[in-house]
């Protein structure tokens, strides 16, 4: 239940995202859930109230701009929240195919969330040729995308009757591509309680190594530039979403086993290859493309706190899109990902985000825009539940979700594994990338090339 207070402090890091909405890039996290059949609205409402509104207070609070001496924004309780203001029921006209759903979602990617109510909304989309879709929009100020994915999965069940019979078991979080901060923590030396002589030398050497790694990570953040390609430019206000049919995860695992890489390495290498093909078609040449990867900074074994907030970092990954063969791109992707896993970059960037959040709105916007300009966009790779889940009794067949870009970022990428399948989706700025379906086609081509390469050498 909501406490007696009517207003609440906005954390400085959350305040960054609350004030970063721009016409060319809104701070809205977009999620899509594919369902095998219709949703029972009564069951749906009950699940949303008991597992979302009653558990996470920020979903029942709206932002209030600061005035006078109280310059920082606040959250204000909305005790009698009207669920109908946040849930839309729509029916798409025939044929209700993927193209129609993509057009519907794309129509909202440039629409801000209303500030006179809590910053979220859900769309129950019917009229599809295959089941129903649940389209969810959540402001980044509520929490980071990693946490909000866990929140949405907490609304689901292992069985079709889990929301009724009391056997609800939240979907267990799995390690994501970007969950490399654990490795960074392990790399950080633990300060001993007693500095025994035999431990001093080792501790000093580890401290120097970490310090040098930190300098290298900071230098990378400062000197990386987003190259001038067909994937970069001045972003506009219109975005479009496209996504793939489900891909057999077994195919990706076979490639990973045959090449000594991880599933994440394979999927990121396929992304690098798709951007290489897109550049060759548009620019006649290809170079490495920088993308940002969100990193979870919460302990994955603990439940989410009621007060969610943003606790994540961003790392820069140069996608090896300038190499000639799929095998070379996979090997280089693995090498670069392994380097990031050993780096303290997540810890450093989180410290930067915390510092930026305390500098005031104007300076925060300038610095976020500066760092955003170093990448084409943001890439998320989410390992979802291994077994099928149910939402209010209806089986979920697939999941996607995009985090927002900042500044002039033009391409958001989501790779989501779920119940033995993978879906990839792109959110593209149409002023710069008018044909993102070509990137999607190239992603499939790259996976096919990797499968053939591994089969030929196996």
Protein backbone atom coordinates (compact mmCIF):
# COMPACT_ATOMS: atom_id res chain seq x y z
CA UNK A 1 0.00 0.00 0.00
CA UNK A 2 1.11 3.60 -0.54
CA UNK A 3 2.34 5.35 2.59
CA UNK A 4 0.98 8.54 4.07
CA UNK A 5 3.41 10.79 2.23
CA UNK A 6 2.12 12.47 -0.91
CA UNK A 7 5.47 13.48 -2.44
CA UNK A 8 8.78 11.67 -2.69
CA UNK A 9 12.30 12.60 -3.69
CA UNK A 10 13.45 11.74 -7.22
CA UNK A 11 16.86 10.09 -7.11
CA UNK A 12 19.49 12.21 -8.94
CA UNK A 13 20.20 9.40 -11.43
CA UNK A 14 16.46 8.94 -12.13
CA UNK A 15 16.21 12.73 -12.53
CA UNK A 16 18.64 12.55 -15.48
CA UNK A 17 16.21 10.41 -17.47
CA UNK A 18 13.14 12.32 -16.27
CA UNK A 19 14.57 15.46 -17.85
CA UNK A 20 16.08 13.93 -21.01
CA UNK A 21 12.99 13.59 -23.26
CA UNK A 22 13.68 15.18 -26.64
CA UNK A 23 11.56 15.13 -29.82
CA UNK A 24 14.21 13.08 -31.63
CA UNK A 25 14.64 10.57 -28.78
CA UNK A 26 12.16 10.02 -25.95
CA UNK A 27 13.23 8.37 -22.71
CA UNK A 28 10.64 5.59 -23.08
CA UNK A 29 11.37 1.88 -22.80
CA UNK A 30 9.24 -0.03 -25.29
CA UNK A 31 8.30 -3.68 -24.61
CA UNK A 32 6.35 -6.15 -26.69
CA UNK A 33 4.86 -9.43 -25.53
CA UNK A 34 3.47 -11.86 -28.12
CA UNK A 35 0.60 -14.01 -26.80
CA UNK A 36 -0.99 -17.14 -28.26
CA UNK A 37 -4.56 -15.99 -27.62
CA UNK A 38 -6.76 -13.25 -26.16
CA UNK A 39 -6.32 -11.85 -22.65
CA UNK A 40 -9.11 -11.95 -20.09
CA UNK A 41 -9.37 -8.27 -19.07
CA UNK A 42 -10.59 -9.04 -15.56
CA UNK A 43 -7.65 -11.40 -14.90
CA UNK A 44 -5.28 -8.94 -16.56
CA UNK A 45 -6.41 -6.07 -14.32
CA UNK A 46 -6.06 -8.20 -11.20
CA UNK A 47 -2.51 -9.24 -12.10
CA UNK A 48 -1.50 -5.63 -12.84
CA UNK A 49 -2.95 -4.35 -9.56
CA UNK A 50 -1.62 -7.07 -7.26
CA UNK A 51 1.80 -7.64 -8.81
CA UNK A 52 2.64 -4.20 -10.20
CA UNK A 53 0.78 -1.38 -8.43
CA UNK A 54 0.74 -3.02 -4.98
CA UNK A 55 4.40 -4.02 -5.16
CA UNK A 56 6.22 -1.13 -6.87
CA UNK A 57 5.02 2.30 -5.63
CA UNK A 58 6.55 4.32 -8.48
CA UNK A 59 3.85 2.97 -10.84
CA UNK A 60 1.30 4.89 -8.73
CA UNK A 61 3.22 8.18 -8.70
CA UNK A 62 3.37 10.99 -11.22
CA UNK A 63 6.19 13.49 -11.69
CA UNK A 64 5.87 17.03 -10.36
CA UNK A 65 8.26 19.71 -11.60
CA UNK A 66 10.29 21.56 -9.00
CA UNK A 67 9.43 25.20 -8.25
CA UNK A 68 11.03 27.99 -6.25
CA UNK A 69 13.74 26.85 -3.88
CA UNK A 70 12.71 23.23 -4.41
CA UNK A 71 14.13 22.98 -7.88
CA UNK A 72 14.28 19.20 -8.17
CA UNK A 73 11.32 17.23 -9.48
CA UNK A 74 9.29 15.10 -7.09
CA UNK A 75 7.11 12.00 -7.33
CA UNK A 76 3.53 12.60 -6.16
CA UNK A 77 1.26 9.72 -5.08
CA UNK A 78 -1.85 8.97 -7.14
CA UNK A 79 -3.81 6.96 -4.53
CA UNK A 80 -6.91 6.30 -6.64
CA UNK A 81 -5.22 5.34 -9.87
CA UNK A 82 -7.63 4.74 -12.76
CA UNK A 83 -6.33 1.69 -14.60
CA UNK A 84 -8.37 2.60 -17.70
CA UNK A 85 -6.18 5.69 -18.12
CA UNK A 86 -3.15 3.40 -18.53
CA UNK A 87 -4.59 0.46 -20.47
CA UNK A 88 -5.78 0.76 -24.07
CA UNK A 89 -7.74 -1.95 -25.87
CA UNK A 90 -7.35 -1.81 -29.65
CA UNK A 91 -8.20 -4.07 -32.57
CA UNK A 92 -6.11 -3.92 -35.73
CA UNK A 93 -7.85 -4.14 -39.11
CA UNK A 94 -7.30 -7.21 -41.27
CA UNK A 95 -4.98 -8.83 -42.10
CA UNK A 96 -3.48 -8.17 -38.67
CA UNK A 97 -0.04 -9.43 -39.66
CA UNK A 98 3.41 -8.48 -38.32
CA UNK A 99 3.55 -5.49 -40.66
CA UNK A 100 0.31 -4.12 -39.18
CA UNK A 101 1.58 -4.57 -35.62
CA UNK A 102 4.91 -2.97 -36.52
CA UNK A 103 3.06 0.01 -37.99
CA UNK A 104 0.96 0.31 -34.83
CA UNK A 105 3.98 0.22 -32.51
CA UNK A 106 5.94 2.61 -34.74
CA UNK A 107 3.09 5.10 -34.51
CA UNK A 108 3.79 5.58 -30.78
CA UNK A 109 7.60 5.63 -30.74
CA UNK A 110 7.60 9.42 -31.05
CA UNK A 111 4.69 10.04 -28.64
CA UNK A 112 5.64 11.27 -25.14
CA UNK A 113 4.02 9.77 -22.06
CA UNK A 114 1.64 12.19 -20.36
CA UNK A 115 3.12 13.94 -17.33
CA UNK A 116 -0.21 14.39 -15.50
CA UNK A 117 -0.31 10.69 -14.58
CA UNK A 118 2.17 7.90 -13.75
CA UNK A 119 4.62 7.38 -16.59
CA UNK A 120 3.51 4.08 -18.08
CA UNK A 121 0.87 2.60 -20.35
CA UNK A 122 -0.14 -0.79 -21.76
CA UNK A 123 -1.86 -1.57 -25.07
CA UNK A 124 -3.87 -4.78 -25.48
CA UNK A 125 -3.68 -5.30 -29.24
CA UNK A 126 -6.19 -7.73 -30.77
CA UNK A 127 -7.13 -8.52 -34.35
CA UNK A 128 -3.80 -10.21 -35.09
CA UNK A 129 -3.63 -13.23 -37.33
CA UNK A 130 -1.67 -15.01 -34.61
CA UNK A 131 -2.93 -14.33 -31.10
CA UNK A 132 -2.68 -11.04 -29.24
CA UNK A 133 0.08 -8.58 -28.39
CA UNK A 134 0.73 -6.61 -25.22
CA UNK A 135 2.64 -3.41 -26.00
CA UNK A 136 4.06 -1.72 -22.89
CA UNK A 137 5.61 1.78 -22.62
CA UNK A 138 7.56 2.71 -19.50
CA UNK A 139 9.51 5.87 -18.78
CA UNK A 140 13.21 5.40 -18.07
CA UNK A 141 12.83 7.50 -14.90
CA UNK A 142 10.86 4.63 -13.29
CA UNK A 143 13.81 2.25 -13.53
CA UNK A 144 16.41 0.93 -15.93
CA UNK A 145 15.46 -1.50 -18.69
CA UNK A 146 17.05 -4.49 -16.96
CA UNK A 147 14.95 -3.95 -13.82
CA UNK A 148 11.77 -3.24 -15.79
CA UNK A 149 12.22 -6.47 -17.75
CA UNK A 150 12.30 -8.31 -14.42
CA UNK A 151 9.21 -6.39 -13.29
CA UNK A 152 7.27 -7.44 -16.39
CA UNK A 153 8.40 -11.05 -16.04
CA UNK A 154 7.20 -10.98 -12.42
CA UNK A 155 3.67 -10.55 -13.80
CA UNK A 156 3.90 -13.94 -15.52
CA UNK A 157 3.46 -17.53 -14.32
CA UNK A 158 4.81 -21.01 -15.01
CA UNK A 159 1.29 -22.36 -15.63
CA UNK A 160 -1.93 -21.05 -17.13
CA UNK A 161 -3.59 -21.06 -13.70
CA UNK A 162 -0.73 -19.60 -11.71
CA UNK A 163 -2.49 -16.26 -11.26
CA UNK A 164 -5.52 -18.04 -9.77
CA UNK A 165 -4.29 -21.01 -7.75
CA UNK A 166 -1.59 -19.29 -5.69
CA UNK A 167 1.33 -21.17 -7.30
CA UNK A 168 2.88 -18.01 -8.73
CA UNK A 169 6.61 -18.39 -9.21
CA UNK A 170 8.37 -15.27 -10.58
CA UNK A 171 10.51 -15.83 -13.64
CA UNK A 172 14.09 -16.30 -12.50
CA UNK A 173 16.50 -13.69 -13.85
CA UNK A 174 19.38 -15.00 -15.94
CA UNK A 175 22.77 -13.51 -16.69
CA UNK A 176 22.53 -11.11 -19.60
CA UNK A 177 25.18 -10.16 -22.14
CA UNK A 178 25.63 -6.92 -20.28
CA UNK A 179 25.89 -8.47 -16.82
CA UNK A 180 29.67 -8.19 -16.92
CA UNK A 181 29.94 -6.06 -13.83
CA UNK A 182 30.28 -9.19 -11.69
CA UNK A 183 33.56 -9.91 -13.43
CA UNK A 184 34.66 -6.33 -12.84
CA UNK A 185 33.86 -6.71 -9.15
CA UNK A 186 35.87 -9.91 -8.97
CA UNK A 187 38.78 -8.11 -10.61
CA UNK A 188 38.75 -5.37 -7.96
CA UNK A 189 41.13 -6.17 -5.10
CA UNK A 190 39.56 -6.71 -1.70
CA UNK A 191 41.24 -4.52 0.89
CA UNK A 192 42.53 -6.87 3.63
CA UNK A 193 41.57 -6.22 7.23
CA UNK A 194 45.18 -6.64 8.27
CA UNK A 195 47.92 -5.82 5.75
CA UNK A 196 50.27 -8.67 6.53
CA UNK A 197 53.71 -8.17 4.92
CA UNK A 198 53.31 -11.05 2.47
CA UNK A 199 50.06 -9.52 1.16
CA UNK A 200 51.23 -5.93 0.72
CA UNK A 201 53.11 -6.48 -2.53
CA UNK A 202 50.23 -8.41 -4.12
CA UNK A 203 47.68 -5.80 -3.05
CA UNK A 204 49.78 -2.93 -4.43
CA UNK A 205 50.26 -4.70 -7.76
CA UNK A 206 46.53 -5.47 -8.06
CA UNK A 207 45.70 -1.86 -7.23
CA UNK A 208 48.08 -0.60 -9.91
CA UNK A 209 46.64 -3.03 -12.44
CA UNK A 210 43.08 -1.92 -11.68
CA UNK A 211 44.13 1.72 -11.82
CA UNK A 212 45.72 1.28 -15.23
CA UNK A 213 42.61 -0.55 -16.44
CA UNK A 214 40.50 2.32 -15.17
CA UNK A 215 42.62 4.87 -17.04
CA UNK A 216 42.29 2.80 -20.23
CA UNK A 217 38.52 2.52 -19.78
CA UNK A 218 38.16 6.26 -19.19
CA UNK A 219 40.33 7.02 -22.21
CA UNK A 220 38.10 4.74 -24.32
CA UNK A 221 35.02 6.70 -23.21
CA UNK A 222 36.63 10.01 -24.10
CA UNK A 223 38.27 9.22 -27.45
CA UNK A 224 35.72 6.91 -29.10
CA UNK A 225 33.87 8.60 -31.95
CA UNK A 226 30.80 7.52 -33.89
CA UNK A 227 32.04 7.29 -37.50
CA UNK A 228 30.32 9.00 -40.39
CA UNK A 229 28.36 6.17 -42.04
CA UNK A 230 24.89 5.39 -43.34
CA UNK A 231 23.99 4.57 -39.73
CA UNK A 232 24.79 8.00 -38.30
CA UNK A 233 23.41 11.49 -38.74
CA UNK A 234 21.00 14.04 -37.29
CA UNK A 235 18.13 12.06 -35.81
CA UNK A 236 14.54 13.05 -36.59
CA UNK A 237 11.29 12.59 -34.72
CA UNK A 238 9.96 9.54 -36.59
CA UNK A 239 11.03 6.02 -35.60
CA UNK A 240 10.06 2.62 -36.90
CA UNK A 241 10.20 -0.83 -35.29
CA UNK A 242 10.87 -4.07 -37.16
CA UNK A 243 11.53 -7.54 -35.82
CA UNK A 244 12.20 -11.10 -36.88
CA UNK A 245 10.23 -14.30 -36.73
CA UNK A 246 11.41 -16.59 -33.90
CA UNK A 247 14.86 -18.09 -34.58
CA UNK A 248 15.73 -21.56 -33.27
CA UNK A 249 18.08 -21.07 -30.32
CA UNK A 250 19.52 -24.53 -31.00
CA UNK A 251 21.07 -23.23 -34.23
CA UNK A 252 22.82 -20.44 -32.31
CA UNK A 253 24.05 -22.88 -29.66
CA UNK A 254 25.49 -25.14 -32.35
CA UNK A 255 27.45 -22.21 -33.79
CA UNK A 256 28.68 -21.29 -30.31
CA UNK A 257 29.81 -24.84 -29.50
CA UNK A 258 31.51 -25.28 -32.86
CA UNK A 259 33.46 -22.02 -32.58
CA UNK A 260 34.36 -21.99 -28.88
CA UNK A 261 32.27 -18.86 -28.37
CA UNK A 262 29.23 -18.09 -26.24
CA UNK A 263 25.65 -17.68 -27.46
CA UNK A 264 25.99 -13.96 -26.72
CA UNK A 265 29.17 -13.77 -28.80
CA UNK A 266 27.37 -15.35 -31.75
CA UNK A 267 24.37 -13.02 -31.58
CA UNK A 268 26.52 -9.89 -31.25
CA UNK A 269 28.73 -11.07 -34.11
CA UNK A 270 25.59 -11.51 -36.24
CA UNK A 271 24.65 -7.93 -35.41
CA UNK A 272 28.13 -6.76 -36.43
CA UNK A 273 27.78 -8.62 -39.72
CA UNK A 274 24.36 -7.15 -40.43
CA UNK A 275 25.72 -3.63 -39.95
CA UNK A 276 28.71 -4.48 -42.16
CA UNK A 277 26.36 -5.56 -44.97
CA UNK A 278 24.20 -2.44 -44.52
CA UNK A 279 27.25 -0.17 -44.76
CA UNK A 280 28.55 -1.89 -47.87
CA UNK A 281 25.19 -1.42 -49.55
CA UNK A 282 24.87 2.25 -48.56
CA UNK A 283 28.47 3.49 -48.26
CA UNK A 284 30.48 1.07 -50.38
CA UNK A 285 32.73 0.46 -47.38
CA UNK A 286 32.41 -0.70 -43.78
CA UNK A 287 33.97 0.31 -40.48
CA UNK A 288 33.54 -0.77 -36.88
CA UNK A 289 30.35 0.59 -35.32
CA UNK A 290 30.23 1.65 -31.66
CA UNK A 291 27.16 0.66 -29.65
CA UNK A 292 26.32 1.02 -25.97
CA UNK A 293 25.46 -1.97 -23.80
CA UNK A 294 23.55 -1.61 -20.50
CA UNK A 295 25.18 -3.36 -17.54
CA UNK A 296 23.22 -4.53 -14.53
CA UNK A 297 24.64 -3.34 -11.18
CA UNK A 298 22.14 -5.10 -8.93
CA UNK A 299 22.91 -8.46 -7.31
CA UNK A 300 21.15 -10.91 -9.61
CA UNK A 301 20.37 -13.36 -6.79
CA UNK A 302 18.33 -10.83 -4.80
CA UNK A 303 14.74 -9.71 -5.50
CA UNK A 304 14.16 -6.22 -6.83
CA UNK A 305 13.58 -3.54 -4.17
CA UNK A 306 10.17 -1.88 -3.96
CA UNK A 307 11.79 1.45 -4.83
CA UNK A 308 13.18 0.52 -8.22
CA UNK A 309 15.21 3.38 -9.68
CA UNK A 310 18.08 3.21 -12.14
CA UNK A 311 21.09 1.16 -11.15
CA UNK A 312 22.94 0.35 -14.32
CA UNK A 313 25.97 1.39 -16.28
CA UNK A 314 26.73 1.61 -20.00
CA UNK A 315 29.80 0.21 -21.71
CA UNK A 316 30.97 1.00 -25.20
CA UNK A 317 31.45 -1.95 -27.55
CA UNK A 318 33.00 -1.49 -30.98
CA UNK A 319 31.14 -3.96 -33.17
CA UNK A 320 33.71 -5.49 -35.58
CA UNK A 321 31.76 -4.48 -38.67
CA UNK A 322 34.87 -3.62 -40.65
CA UNK A 323 36.10 -7.22 -41.06
CA UNK A 324 35.58 -9.28 -44.18
CA UNK A 325 34.32 -12.69 -43.05
CA UNK A 326 31.72 -13.94 -40.60
CA UNK A 327 34.31 -16.15 -38.88
CA UNK A 328 36.65 -13.19 -38.36
CA UNK A 329 33.82 -11.10 -36.93
CA UNK A 330 32.88 -13.84 -34.48
CA UNK A 331 36.46 -14.34 -33.29
CA UNK A 332 36.95 -10.59 -32.83
CA UNK A 333 33.59 -10.18 -31.10
CA UNK A 334 34.57 -12.85 -28.58
CA UNK A 335 37.94 -11.15 -27.99
CA UNK A 336 36.36 -7.75 -27.42
CA UNK A 337 33.62 -9.11 -25.18
CA UNK A 338 36.18 -10.99 -23.10
CA UNK A 339 38.15 -7.74 -22.70
CA UNK A 340 35.06 -5.90 -21.46
CA UNK A 341 34.36 -8.68 -18.95
CA UNK A 342 37.80 -8.09 -17.41
CA UNK A 343 37.45 -4.31 -17.42
CA UNK A 344 36.27 -1.97 -14.62
CA UNK A 345 34.49 0.14 -17.26
CA UNK A 346 30.98 -0.59 -15.85
CA UNK A 347 31.98 0.66 -12.40
CA UNK A 348 33.59 3.78 -13.88
CA UNK A 349 30.63 4.67 -16.09
CA UNK A 350 28.18 4.18 -13.22
CA UNK A 351 30.24 6.58 -11.12
CA UNK A 352 30.09 9.06 -14.01
CA UNK A 353 26.30 8.70 -14.25
CA UNK A 354 25.95 9.31 -10.51
CA UNK A 355 28.14 12.40 -10.75
CA UNK A 356 26.29 13.74 -13.77
CA UNK A 357 22.99 13.37 -11.91
CA UNK A 358 24.16 15.86 -9.28
CA UNK A 359 25.26 18.59 -11.69
CA UNK A 360 21.90 20.15 -12.47
CA UNK A 361 19.52 19.59 -15.38
CA UNK A 362 21.25 21.70 -18.03
CA UNK A 363 24.76 20.38 -17.49
CA UNK A 364 23.44 16.82 -17.12
CA UNK A 365 21.75 17.04 -20.51
CA UNK A 366 24.91 18.36 -22.13
CA UNK A 367 27.10 15.58 -20.74
CA UNK A 368 24.61 12.79 -21.52
CA UNK A 369 24.31 14.11 -25.09
CA UNK A 370 28.12 14.25 -25.35
CA UNK A 371 28.56 10.62 -24.34
CA UNK A 372 25.54 9.49 -26.38
CA UNK A 373 27.19 10.94 -29.47
CA UNK A 374 29.93 8.32 -29.22
CA UNK A 375 27.63 5.47 -30.29
CA UNK A 376 25.08 4.71 -32.99
CA UNK A 377 22.64 3.46 -30.37
CA UNK A 378 22.02 0.97 -27.58
CA UNK A 379 22.08 -2.81 -27.85
CA UNK A 380 20.38 -5.10 -25.35
CA UNK A 381 20.68 -8.89 -25.36
CA UNK A 382 18.32 -10.41 -22.82
CA UNK A 383 18.30 -14.12 -21.90
CA UNK A 384 14.67 -14.57 -20.88
CA UNK A 385 13.00 -17.60 -19.27
CA UNK A 386 14.05 -20.97 -20.67
CA UNK A 387 10.51 -22.34 -20.38
CA UNK A 388 7.27 -20.81 -21.66
CA UNK A 389 5.46 -18.41 -19.31
CA UNK A 390 1.81 -17.33 -19.04
CA UNK A 391 0.29 -13.86 -18.58
CA UNK A 392 -3.15 -13.90 -16.92
CA UNK A 393 -3.68 -17.43 -18.24
CA UNK A 394 -2.48 -16.87 -21.83
CA UNK A 395 0.74 -18.43 -23.09
CA UNK A 396 3.52 -16.04 -24.10
CA UNK A 397 5.13 -16.96 -27.43
CA UNK A 398 7.80 -14.25 -27.60
CA UNK A 399 9.25 -11.08 -26.07
CA UNK A 400 11.06 -7.95 -27.25
CA UNK A 401 12.09 -4.69 -25.62
CA UNK A 402 14.01 -1.56 -26.60
CA UNK A 403 15.66 0.94 -24.29
CA UNK A 404 15.73 4.57 -25.46
CA UNK A 405 18.54 6.21 -27.33
CA UNK A 406 19.85 9.68 -26.47
CA UNK A 407 20.99 12.67 -28.47
CA UNK A 408 21.27 11.74 -32.14
CA UNK A 409 21.47 7.98 -31.69
CA UNK A 410 19.68 6.29 -34.57
CA UNK A 411 19.53 2.51 -34.00
CA UNK A 412 18.29 0.56 -31.01
CA UNK A 413 18.76 -3.20 -31.08
CA UNK A 414 17.01 -5.82 -28.96
CA UNK A 415 17.97 -9.50 -28.96
CA UNK A 416 15.72 -11.55 -26.69
CA UNK A 417 16.02 -15.29 -26.07
CA UNK A 418 12.95 -17.04 -24.72
CA UNK A 419 11.75 -20.65 -24.46
CA UNK A 420 14.20 -22.04 -27.00
CA UNK A 421 13.88 -19.19 -29.52
CA UNK A 422 15.54 -15.87 -30.31
CA UNK A 423 13.92 -12.73 -31.66
CA UNK A 424 15.85 -9.71 -32.89
CA UNK A 425 14.24 -6.31 -33.30
CA UNK A 426 15.43 -2.90 -34.43
CA UNK A 427 14.11 0.56 -33.58
CA UNK A 428 15.44 2.90 -36.24
CA UNK A 429 15.35 6.60 -36.98
CA UNK A 430 13.80 6.85 -40.43
CA UNK A 431 15.55 10.12 -41.34
CA UNK A 432 18.92 8.33 -41.18
CA UNK A 433 17.93 4.66 -41.63
CA UNK A 434 14.85 4.52 -43.87
CA UNK A 435 15.14 0.76 -44.52
CA UNK A 436 15.87 -1.10 -41.24
CA UNK A 437 14.33 -4.24 -42.70
CA UNK A 438 17.58 -4.56 -44.70
CA UNK A 439 19.51 -4.81 -41.43
CA UNK A 440 17.08 -7.48 -40.25
CA UNK A 441 17.56 -9.49 -43.45
CA UNK A 442 21.32 -9.17 -43.10
CA UNK A 443 21.17 -10.47 -39.52
CA UNK A 444 19.58 -13.70 -40.76
CA UNK A 445 22.15 -13.93 -43.57
CA UNK A 446 25.01 -13.57 -41.11
CA UNK A 447 23.65 -16.34 -38.87
CA UNK A 448 23.36 -18.59 -41.94
CA UNK A 449 26.97 -17.77 -42.91
CA UNK A 450 28.19 -18.59 -39.40
CA UNK A 451 26.28 -21.89 -39.40
CA UNK A 452 27.80 -22.88 -42.77
CA UNK A 453 31.29 -21.86 -41.63
CA UNK A 454 31.08 -23.91 -38.45
CA UNK A 455 29.64 -26.91 -40.32
CA UNK A 456 32.47 -26.75 -42.89
CA UNK A 457 35.18 -26.69 -40.24
CA UNK A 458 33.50 -29.11 -37.80
